[in-house]
PDB file of all heavy atoms in Angstrom:
ATOM      1  N   PHE A   1       0.814  -1.210   0.000  1.00  0.00           N
ATOM      2  CA  PHE A   1       0.000   0.000   0.000  1.00  0.00           C
ATOM      3  C   PHE A   1       0.850   1.263   0.000  1.00  0.00           C
ATOM      4  O   PHE A   1       0.398   2.320  -0.442  1.00  0.00           O
ATOM      5  CB  PHE A   1      -0.956  -0.012   1.193  1.00  0.00           C
ATOM      6  CG  PHE A   1      -2.140  -0.915   0.997  1.00  0.00           C
ATOM      7  CD1 PHE A   1      -2.259  -2.089   1.725  1.00  0.00           C
ATOM      8  CD2 PHE A   1      -3.124  -0.603   0.066  1.00  0.00           C
ATOM      9  CE1 PHE A   1      -3.340  -2.930   1.535  1.00  0.00           C
ATOM     10  CE2 PHE A   1      -4.211  -1.444  -0.125  1.00  0.00           C
ATOM     11  CZ  PHE A   1      -4.322  -2.607   0.612  1.00  0.00           C
ATOM     12  N   SER A   2       2.102   1.155   0.491  1.00  0.00           N
ATOM     13  CA  SER A   2       2.986   2.315   0.408  1.00  0.00           C
ATOM     14  C   SER A   2       3.296   2.654  -1.040  1.00  0.00           C
ATOM     15  O   SER A   2       3.489   3.812  -1.400  1.00  0.00           O
ATOM     16  CB  SER A   2       4.279   2.051   1.181  1.00  0.00           C
ATOM     17  OG  SER A   2       5.037   1.026   0.552  1.00  0.00           O
ATOM     18  N   HIS A   3       3.344   1.610  -1.893  1.00  0.00           N
ATOM     19  CA  HIS A   3       3.530   1.855  -3.327  1.00  0.00           C
ATOM     20  C   HIS A   3       2.200   2.175  -4.010  1.00  0.00           C
ATOM     21  O   HIS A   3       2.154   2.924  -4.989  1.00  0.00           O
ATOM     22  CB  HIS A   3       4.167   0.634  -3.986  1.00  0.00           C
ATOM     23  CG  HIS A   3       5.602   0.438  -3.635  1.00  0.00           C
ATOM     24  ND1 HIS A   3       6.624   1.159  -4.212  1.00  0.00           N
ATOM     25  CD2 HIS A   3       6.198  -0.390  -2.750  1.00  0.00           C
ATOM     26  CE1 HIS A   3       7.792   0.787  -3.706  1.00  0.00           C
ATOM     27  NE2 HIS A   3       7.555  -0.152  -2.814  1.00  0.00           N
ATOM     28  N   ALA A   4       1.121   1.604  -3.484  1.00  0.00           N
ATOM     29  CA  ALA A   4      -0.178   1.821  -4.116  1.00  0.00           C
ATOM     30  C   ALA A   4      -0.635   3.274  -3.983  1.00  0.00           C
ATOM     31  O   ALA A   4      -1.315   3.803  -4.867  1.00  0.00           O
ATOM     32  CB  ALA A   4      -1.214   0.882  -3.505  1.00  0.00           C
ATOM     33  N   ILE A   5      -0.271   3.927  -2.876  1.00  0.00           N
ATOM     34  CA  ILE A   5      -0.696   5.320  -2.685  1.00  0.00           C
ATOM     35  C   ILE A   5       0.208   6.295  -3.438  1.00  0.00           C
ATOM     36  O   ILE A   5      -0.047   7.503  -3.425  1.00  0.00           O
ATOM     37  CB  ILE A   5      -0.725   5.686  -1.180  1.00  0.00           C
ATOM     38  CG1 ILE A   5       0.674   5.563  -0.572  1.00  0.00           C
ATOM     39  CG2 ILE A   5      -1.713   4.815  -0.428  1.00  0.00           C
ATOM     40  CD1 ILE A   5       0.736   5.995   0.886  1.00  0.00           C
ATOM     41  N   ASP A   6       1.257   5.764  -4.070  1.00  0.00           N
ATOM     42  CA  ASP A   6       2.110   6.617  -4.891  1.00  0.00           C
ATOM     43  C   ASP A   6       1.282   7.149  -6.064  1.00  0.00           C
ATOM     44  O   ASP A   6       0.434   6.442  -6.622  1.00  0.00           O
ATOM     45  CB  ASP A   6       3.298   5.795  -5.399  1.00  0.00           C
ATOM     46  CG  ASP A   6       4.314   6.667  -6.104  1.00  0.00           C
ATOM     47  OD1 ASP A   6       4.175   7.900  -6.067  1.00  0.00           O
ATOM     48  OD2 ASP A   6       5.252   6.103  -6.708  1.00  0.00           O
ATOM     49  N   ASP A   7       1.522   8.393  -6.468  1.00  0.00           N
ATOM     50  CA  ASP A   7       0.718   8.994  -7.523  1.00  0.00           C
ATOM     51  C   ASP A   7       1.238   8.672  -8.918  1.00  0.00           C
ATOM     52  O   ASP A   7       0.791   9.274  -9.898  1.00  0.00           O
ATOM     53  CB  ASP A   7       0.650  10.515  -7.328  1.00  0.00           C
ATOM     54  CG  ASP A   7       2.030  11.165  -7.424  1.00  0.00           C
ATOM     55  OD1 ASP A   7       3.031  10.426  -7.440  1.00  0.00           O
ATOM     56  OD2 ASP A   7       2.109  12.414  -7.488  1.00  0.00           O
ATOM     57  N   ALA A   8       2.161   7.737  -9.029  1.00  0.00           N
ATOM     58  CA  ALA A   8       2.702   7.372 -10.340  1.00  0.00           C
ATOM     59  C   ALA A   8       1.685   6.551 -11.132  1.00  0.00           C
ATOM     60  O   ALA A   8       0.936   5.746 -10.579  1.00  0.00           O
ATOM     61  CB  ALA A   8       3.999   6.588 -10.180  1.00  0.00           C
ATOM     62  N   HIS A   9       1.688   6.772 -12.436  1.00  0.00           N
ATOM     63  CA  HIS A   9       0.815   6.029 -13.354  1.00  0.00           C
ATOM     64  C   HIS A   9       1.690   5.371 -14.415  1.00  0.00           C
ATOM     65  O   HIS A   9       2.830   5.789 -14.661  1.00  0.00           O
ATOM     66  CB  HIS A   9      -0.194   6.970 -14.008  1.00  0.00           C
ATOM     67  CG  HIS A   9      -1.074   7.686 -13.036  1.00  0.00           C
ATOM     68  ND1 HIS A   9      -2.218   7.141 -12.512  1.00  0.00           N
ATOM     69  CD2 HIS A   9      -0.957   8.925 -12.475  1.00  0.00           C
ATOM     70  CE1 HIS A   9      -2.786   7.992 -11.679  1.00  0.00           C
ATOM     71  NE2 HIS A   9      -2.038   9.087 -11.633  1.00  0.00           N
ATOM     72  N   TYR A  10       1.121   4.352 -15.063  1.00  0.00           N
ATOM     73  CA  TYR A  10       1.886   3.605 -16.063  1.00  0.00           C
ATOM     74  C   TYR A  10       1.057   3.449 -17.341  1.00  0.00           C
ATOM     75  O   TYR A  10      -0.167   3.290 -17.291  1.00  0.00           O
ATOM     76  CB  TYR A  10       2.251   2.210 -15.532  1.00  0.00           C
ATOM     77  CG  TYR A  10       3.192   2.238 -14.346  1.00  0.00           C
ATOM     78  CD1 TYR A  10       2.709   2.369 -13.051  1.00  0.00           C
ATOM     79  CD2 TYR A  10       4.578   2.127 -14.520  1.00  0.00           C
ATOM     80  CE1 TYR A  10       3.561   2.400 -11.956  1.00  0.00           C
ATOM     81  CE2 TYR A  10       5.433   2.153 -13.434  1.00  0.00           C
ATOM     82  CZ  TYR A  10       4.922   2.290 -12.155  1.00  0.00           C
ATOM     83  OH  TYR A  10       5.778   2.321 -11.074  1.00  0.00           O
ATOM     84  N   LYS A  11       1.766   3.515 -18.444  1.00  0.00           N
ATOM     85  CA  LYS A  11       1.118   3.272 -19.737  1.00  0.00           C
ATOM     86  C   LYS A  11       2.113   2.582 -20.661  1.00  0.00           C
ATOM     87  O   LYS A  11       3.305   2.912 -20.659  1.00  0.00           O
ATOM     88  CB  LYS A  11       0.632   4.578 -20.360  1.00  0.00           C
ATOM     89  CG  LYS A  11      -0.136   4.347 -21.666  1.00  0.00           C
ATOM     90  CD  LYS A  11      -0.839   5.585 -22.152  1.00  0.00           C
ATOM     91  CE  LYS A  11      -1.640   5.294 -23.415  1.00  0.00           C
ATOM     92  NZ  LYS A  11      -2.424   6.472 -23.876  1.00  0.00           N
ATOM     93  N   THR A  12       1.613   1.652 -21.453  1.00  0.00           N
ATOM     94  CA  THR A  12       2.458   0.897 -22.381  1.00  0.00           C
ATOM     95  C   THR A  12       2.179   1.337 -23.814  1.00  0.00           C
ATOM     96  O   THR A  12       1.017   1.399 -24.243  1.00  0.00           O
ATOM     97  CB  THR A  12       2.202  -0.617 -22.249  1.00  0.00           C
ATOM     98  OG1 THR A  12       2.476  -1.024 -20.902  1.00  0.00           O
ATOM     99  CG2 THR A  12       3.099  -1.406 -23.197  1.00  0.00           C
ATOM    100  N   ILE A  13       3.245   1.654 -24.542  1.00  0.00           N
ATOM    101  CA  ILE A  13       3.156   2.025 -25.956  1.00  0.00           C
ATOM    102  C   ILE A  13       3.778   0.879 -26.761  1.00  0.00           C
ATOM    103  O   ILE A  13       4.961   0.571 -26.593  1.00  0.00           O
ATOM    104  CB  ILE A  13       3.906   3.336 -26.262  1.00  0.00           C
ATOM    105  CG1 ILE A  13       3.431   4.464 -25.326  1.00  0.00           C
ATOM    106  CG2 ILE A  13       3.744   3.719 -27.720  1.00  0.00           C
ATOM    107  CD1 ILE A  13       2.008   4.884 -25.533  1.00  0.00           C
ATOM    108  N   ARG A  14       3.006   0.267 -27.633  1.00  0.00           N
ATOM    109  CA  ARG A  14       3.484  -0.874 -28.416  1.00  0.00           C
ATOM    110  C   ARG A  14       3.753  -0.469 -29.860  1.00  0.00           C
ATOM    111  O   ARG A  14       3.014   0.330 -30.445  1.00  0.00           O
ATOM    112  CB  ARG A  14       2.481  -2.021 -28.374  1.00  0.00           C
ATOM    113  CG  ARG A  14       2.191  -2.506 -26.956  1.00  0.00           C
ATOM    114  CD  ARG A  14       1.315  -3.747 -26.937  1.00  0.00           C
ATOM    115  NE  ARG A  14       1.007  -4.138 -25.566  1.00  0.00           N
ATOM    116  CZ  ARG A  14       1.817  -4.830 -24.798  1.00  0.00           C
ATOM    117  NH1 ARG A  14       2.983  -5.222 -25.272  1.00  0.00           N
ATOM    118  NH2 ARG A  14       1.453  -5.159 -23.559  1.00  0.00           N
ATOM    119  N   SER A  15       4.809  -1.056 -30.412  1.00  0.00           N
ATOM    120  CA  SER A  15       5.177  -0.753 -31.783  1.00  0.00           C
ATOM    121  C   SER A  15       4.241  -1.470 -32.761  1.00  0.00           C
ATOM    122  O   SER A  15       3.956  -2.657 -32.586  1.00  0.00           O
ATOM    123  CB  SER A  15       6.623  -1.195 -32.053  1.00  0.00           C
ATOM    124  OG  SER A  15       6.920  -1.097 -33.431  1.00  0.00           O
ATOM    125  N   PRO A  16       3.778  -0.771 -33.804  1.00  0.00           N
ATOM    126  CA  PRO A  16       2.926  -1.424 -34.807  1.00  0.00           C
ATOM    127  C   PRO A  16       3.734  -2.215 -35.835  1.00  0.00           C
ATOM    128  O   PRO A  16       3.157  -2.924 -36.656  1.00  0.00           O
ATOM    129  CB  PRO A  16       2.209  -0.242 -35.471  1.00  0.00           C
ATOM    130  CG  PRO A  16       3.185   0.886 -35.353  1.00  0.00           C
ATOM    131  CD  PRO A  16       3.906   0.680 -34.043  1.00  0.00           C
ATOM    132  N   ILE A  17       5.080  -2.094 -35.796  1.00  0.00           N
ATOM    133  CA  ILE A  17       5.909  -2.750 -36.805  1.00  0.00           C
ATOM    134  C   ILE A  17       6.825  -3.827 -36.205  1.00  0.00           C
ATOM    135  O   ILE A  17       7.719  -4.316 -36.870  1.00  0.00           O
ATOM    136  CB  ILE A  17       6.768  -1.703 -37.553  1.00  0.00           C
ATOM    137  CG1 ILE A  17       7.601  -0.874 -36.567  1.00  0.00           C
ATOM    138  CG2 ILE A  17       5.895  -0.806 -38.400  1.00  0.00           C
ATOM    139  CD1 ILE A  17       8.526   0.127 -37.238  1.00  0.00           C
ATOM    140  N   GLY A  18       6.598  -4.176 -34.959  1.00  0.00           N
ATOM    141  CA  GLY A  18       7.435  -5.191 -34.322  1.00  0.00           C
ATOM    142  C   GLY A  18       6.882  -5.552 -32.959  1.00  0.00           C
ATOM    143  O   GLY A  18       5.755  -5.192 -32.603  1.00  0.00           O
ATOM    144  N   ASN A  19       7.702  -6.283 -32.183  1.00  0.00           N
ATOM    145  CA  ASN A  19       7.274  -6.707 -30.853  1.00  0.00           C
ATOM    146  C   ASN A  19       7.739  -5.767 -29.743  1.00  0.00           C
ATOM    147  O   ASN A  19       7.550  -6.054 -28.567  1.00  0.00           O
ATOM    148  CB  ASN A  19       7.808  -8.114 -30.564  1.00  0.00           C
ATOM    149  CG  ASN A  19       7.240  -9.144 -31.523  1.00  0.00           C
ATOM    150  OD1 ASN A  19       6.063  -9.062 -31.910  1.00  0.00           O
ATOM    151  ND2 ASN A  19       8.065 -10.109 -31.925  1.00  0.00           N
ATOM    152  N   GLU A  20       8.380  -4.642 -30.117  1.00  0.00           N
ATOM    153  CA  GLU A  20       8.900  -3.730 -29.115  1.00  0.00           C
ATOM    154  C   GLU A  20       7.759  -3.019 -28.381  1.00  0.00           C
ATOM    155  O   GLU A  20       6.683  -2.773 -28.947  1.00  0.00           O
ATOM    156  CB  GLU A  20       9.819  -2.686 -29.752  1.00  0.00           C
ATOM    157  CG  GLU A  20      11.164  -3.206 -30.208  1.00  0.00           C
ATOM    158  CD  GLU A  20      11.080  -4.044 -31.471  1.00  0.00           C
ATOM    159  OE1 GLU A  20      10.039  -3.968 -32.160  1.00  0.00           O
ATOM    160  OE2 GLU A  20      12.040  -4.760 -31.768  1.00  0.00           O
ATOM    161  N   ALA A  21       8.034  -2.706 -27.123  1.00  0.00           N
ATOM    162  CA  ALA A  21       7.062  -1.967 -26.319  1.00  0.00           C
ATOM    163  C   ALA A  21       7.804  -1.100 -25.310  1.00  0.00           C
ATOM    164  O   ALA A  21       8.866  -1.482 -24.807  1.00  0.00           O
ATOM    165  CB  ALA A  21       6.113  -2.922 -25.606  1.00  0.00           C
ATOM    166  N   VAL A  22       7.249   0.058 -25.025  1.00  0.00           N
ATOM    167  CA  VAL A  22       7.818   0.993 -24.063  1.00  0.00           C
ATOM    168  C   VAL A  22       6.796   1.229 -22.949  1.00  0.00           C
ATOM    169  O   VAL A  22       5.615   1.499 -23.224  1.00  0.00           O
ATOM    170  CB  VAL A  22       8.191   2.331 -24.734  1.00  0.00           C
ATOM    171  CG1 VAL A  22       8.579   3.371 -23.684  1.00  0.00           C
ATOM    172  CG2 VAL A  22       9.338   2.126 -25.715  1.00  0.00           C
ATOM    173  N   VAL A  23       7.253   1.112 -21.708  1.00  0.00           N
ATOM    174  CA  VAL A  23       6.404   1.392 -20.556  1.00  0.00           C
ATOM    175  C   VAL A  23       6.782   2.769 -20.009  1.00  0.00           C
ATOM    176  O   VAL A  23       7.963   3.041 -19.759  1.00  0.00           O
ATOM    177  CB  VAL A  23       6.575   0.316 -19.466  1.00  0.00           C
ATOM    178  CG1 VAL A  23       5.754   0.677 -18.219  1.00  0.00           C
ATOM    179  CG2 VAL A  23       6.159  -1.045 -19.990  1.00  0.00           C
ATOM    180  N   ILE A  24       5.787   3.614 -19.827  1.00  0.00           N
ATOM    181  CA  ILE A  24       6.009   4.970 -19.326  1.00  0.00           C
ATOM    182  C   ILE A  24       5.484   5.063 -17.895  1.00  0.00           C
ATOM    183  O   ILE A  24       4.333   4.722 -17.618  1.00  0.00           O
ATOM    184  CB  ILE A  24       5.282   6.013 -20.199  1.00  0.00           C
ATOM    185  CG1 ILE A  24       5.670   5.841 -21.679  1.00  0.00           C
ATOM    186  CG2 ILE A  24       5.608   7.427 -19.733  1.00  0.00           C
ATOM    187  CD1 ILE A  24       4.808   6.651 -22.615  1.00  0.00           C
ATOM    188  N   LYS A  25       6.352   5.525 -17.003  1.00  0.00           N
ATOM    189  CA  LYS A  25       5.941   5.835 -15.634  1.00  0.00           C
ATOM    190  C   LYS A  25       5.907   7.357 -15.520  1.00  0.00           C
ATOM    191  O   LYS A  25       6.917   8.023 -15.748  1.00  0.00           O
ATOM    192  CB  LYS A  25       6.932   5.246 -14.628  1.00  0.00           C
ATOM    193  CG  LYS A  25       6.634   5.631 -13.186  1.00  0.00           C
ATOM    194  CD  LYS A  25       7.742   5.142 -12.250  1.00  0.00           C
ATOM    195  CE  LYS A  25       7.514   5.636 -10.828  1.00  0.00           C
ATOM    196  NZ  LYS A  25       8.620   5.238  -9.912  1.00  0.00           N
ATOM    197  N   TYR A  26       4.758   7.900 -15.135  1.00  0.00           N
ATOM    198  CA  TYR A  26       4.661   9.352 -15.085  1.00  0.00           C
ATOM    199  C   TYR A  26       3.881   9.805 -13.854  1.00  0.00           C
ATOM    200  O   TYR A  26       3.051   9.077 -13.297  1.00  0.00           O
ATOM    201  CB  TYR A  26       4.022   9.896 -16.363  1.00  0.00           C
ATOM    202  CG  TYR A  26       2.630   9.382 -16.667  1.00  0.00           C
ATOM    203  CD1 TYR A  26       1.504  10.139 -16.347  1.00  0.00           C
ATOM    204  CD2 TYR A  26       2.452   8.157 -17.289  1.00  0.00           C
ATOM    205  CE1 TYR A  26       0.228   9.688 -16.636  1.00  0.00           C
ATOM    206  CE2 TYR A  26       1.182   7.690 -17.585  1.00  0.00           C
ATOM    207  CZ  TYR A  26       0.069   8.451 -17.254  1.00  0.00           C
ATOM    208  OH  TYR A  26      -1.199   8.001 -17.526  1.00  0.00           O
ATOM    209  N   SER A  27       4.183  11.003 -13.430  1.00  0.00           N
ATOM    210  CA  SER A  27       3.537  11.574 -12.250  1.00  0.00           C
ATOM    211  C   SER A  27       3.480  13.085 -12.397  1.00  0.00           C
ATOM    212  O   SER A  27       4.179  13.679 -13.229  1.00  0.00           O
ATOM    213  CB  SER A  27       4.301  11.194 -10.974  1.00  0.00           C
ATOM    214  OG  SER A  27       5.628  11.693 -11.028  1.00  0.00           O
ATOM    215  N   ALA A  28       2.640  13.696 -11.568  1.00  0.00           N
ATOM    216  CA  ALA A  28       2.483  15.145 -11.610  1.00  0.00           C
ATOM    217  C   ALA A  28       2.507  15.696 -10.190  1.00  0.00           C
ATOM    218  O   ALA A  28       1.884  15.146  -9.279  1.00  0.00           O
ATOM    219  CB  ALA A  28       1.171  15.515 -12.296  1.00  0.00           C
ATOM    220  N   THR A  29       3.248  16.793 -10.009  1.00  0.00           N
ATOM    221  CA  THR A  29       3.316  17.484  -8.723  1.00  0.00           C
ATOM    222  C   THR A  29       2.869  18.925  -8.933  1.00  0.00           C
ATOM    223  O   THR A  29       3.435  19.645  -9.760  1.00  0.00           O
ATOM    224  CB  THR A  29       4.748  17.470  -8.159  1.00  0.00           C
ATOM    225  OG1 THR A  29       5.193  16.117  -8.056  1.00  0.00           O
ATOM    226  CG2 THR A  29       4.787  18.112  -6.788  1.00  0.00           C
ATOM    227  N   SER A  30       1.835  19.319  -8.189  1.00  0.00           N
ATOM    228  CA  SER A  30       1.249  20.642  -8.414  1.00  0.00           C
ATOM    229  C   SER A  30       1.451  21.554  -7.210  1.00  0.00           C
ATOM    230  O   SER A  30       1.120  21.201  -6.077  1.00  0.00           O
ATOM    231  CB  SER A  30      -0.248  20.501  -8.699  1.00  0.00           C
ATOM    232  OG  SER A  30      -0.822  21.754  -8.958  1.00  0.00           O
ATOM    233  N   LEU A  31       2.041  22.735  -7.478  1.00  0.00           N
ATOM    234  CA  LEU A  31       2.187  23.794  -6.477  1.00  0.00           C
ATOM    235  C   LEU A  31       1.826  25.127  -7.141  1.00  0.00           C
ATOM    236  O   LEU A  31       2.638  26.046  -7.257  1.00  0.00           O
ATOM    237  CB  LEU A  31       3.627  23.846  -5.939  1.00  0.00           C
ATOM    238  CG  LEU A  31       4.095  22.640  -5.128  1.00  0.00           C
ATOM    239  CD1 LEU A  31       5.577  22.743  -4.816  1.00  0.00           C
ATOM    240  CD2 LEU A  31       3.290  22.526  -3.828  1.00  0.00           C
TER     241      LEU A  31
END
């Protein structure tokens, strides 16, 4: 749960011309 409450999100981008894939971890901090 210490990791679950982290505000990071994940998204996978897959290549249409091969088996390659990129995973993006992203977060936002607002002040």
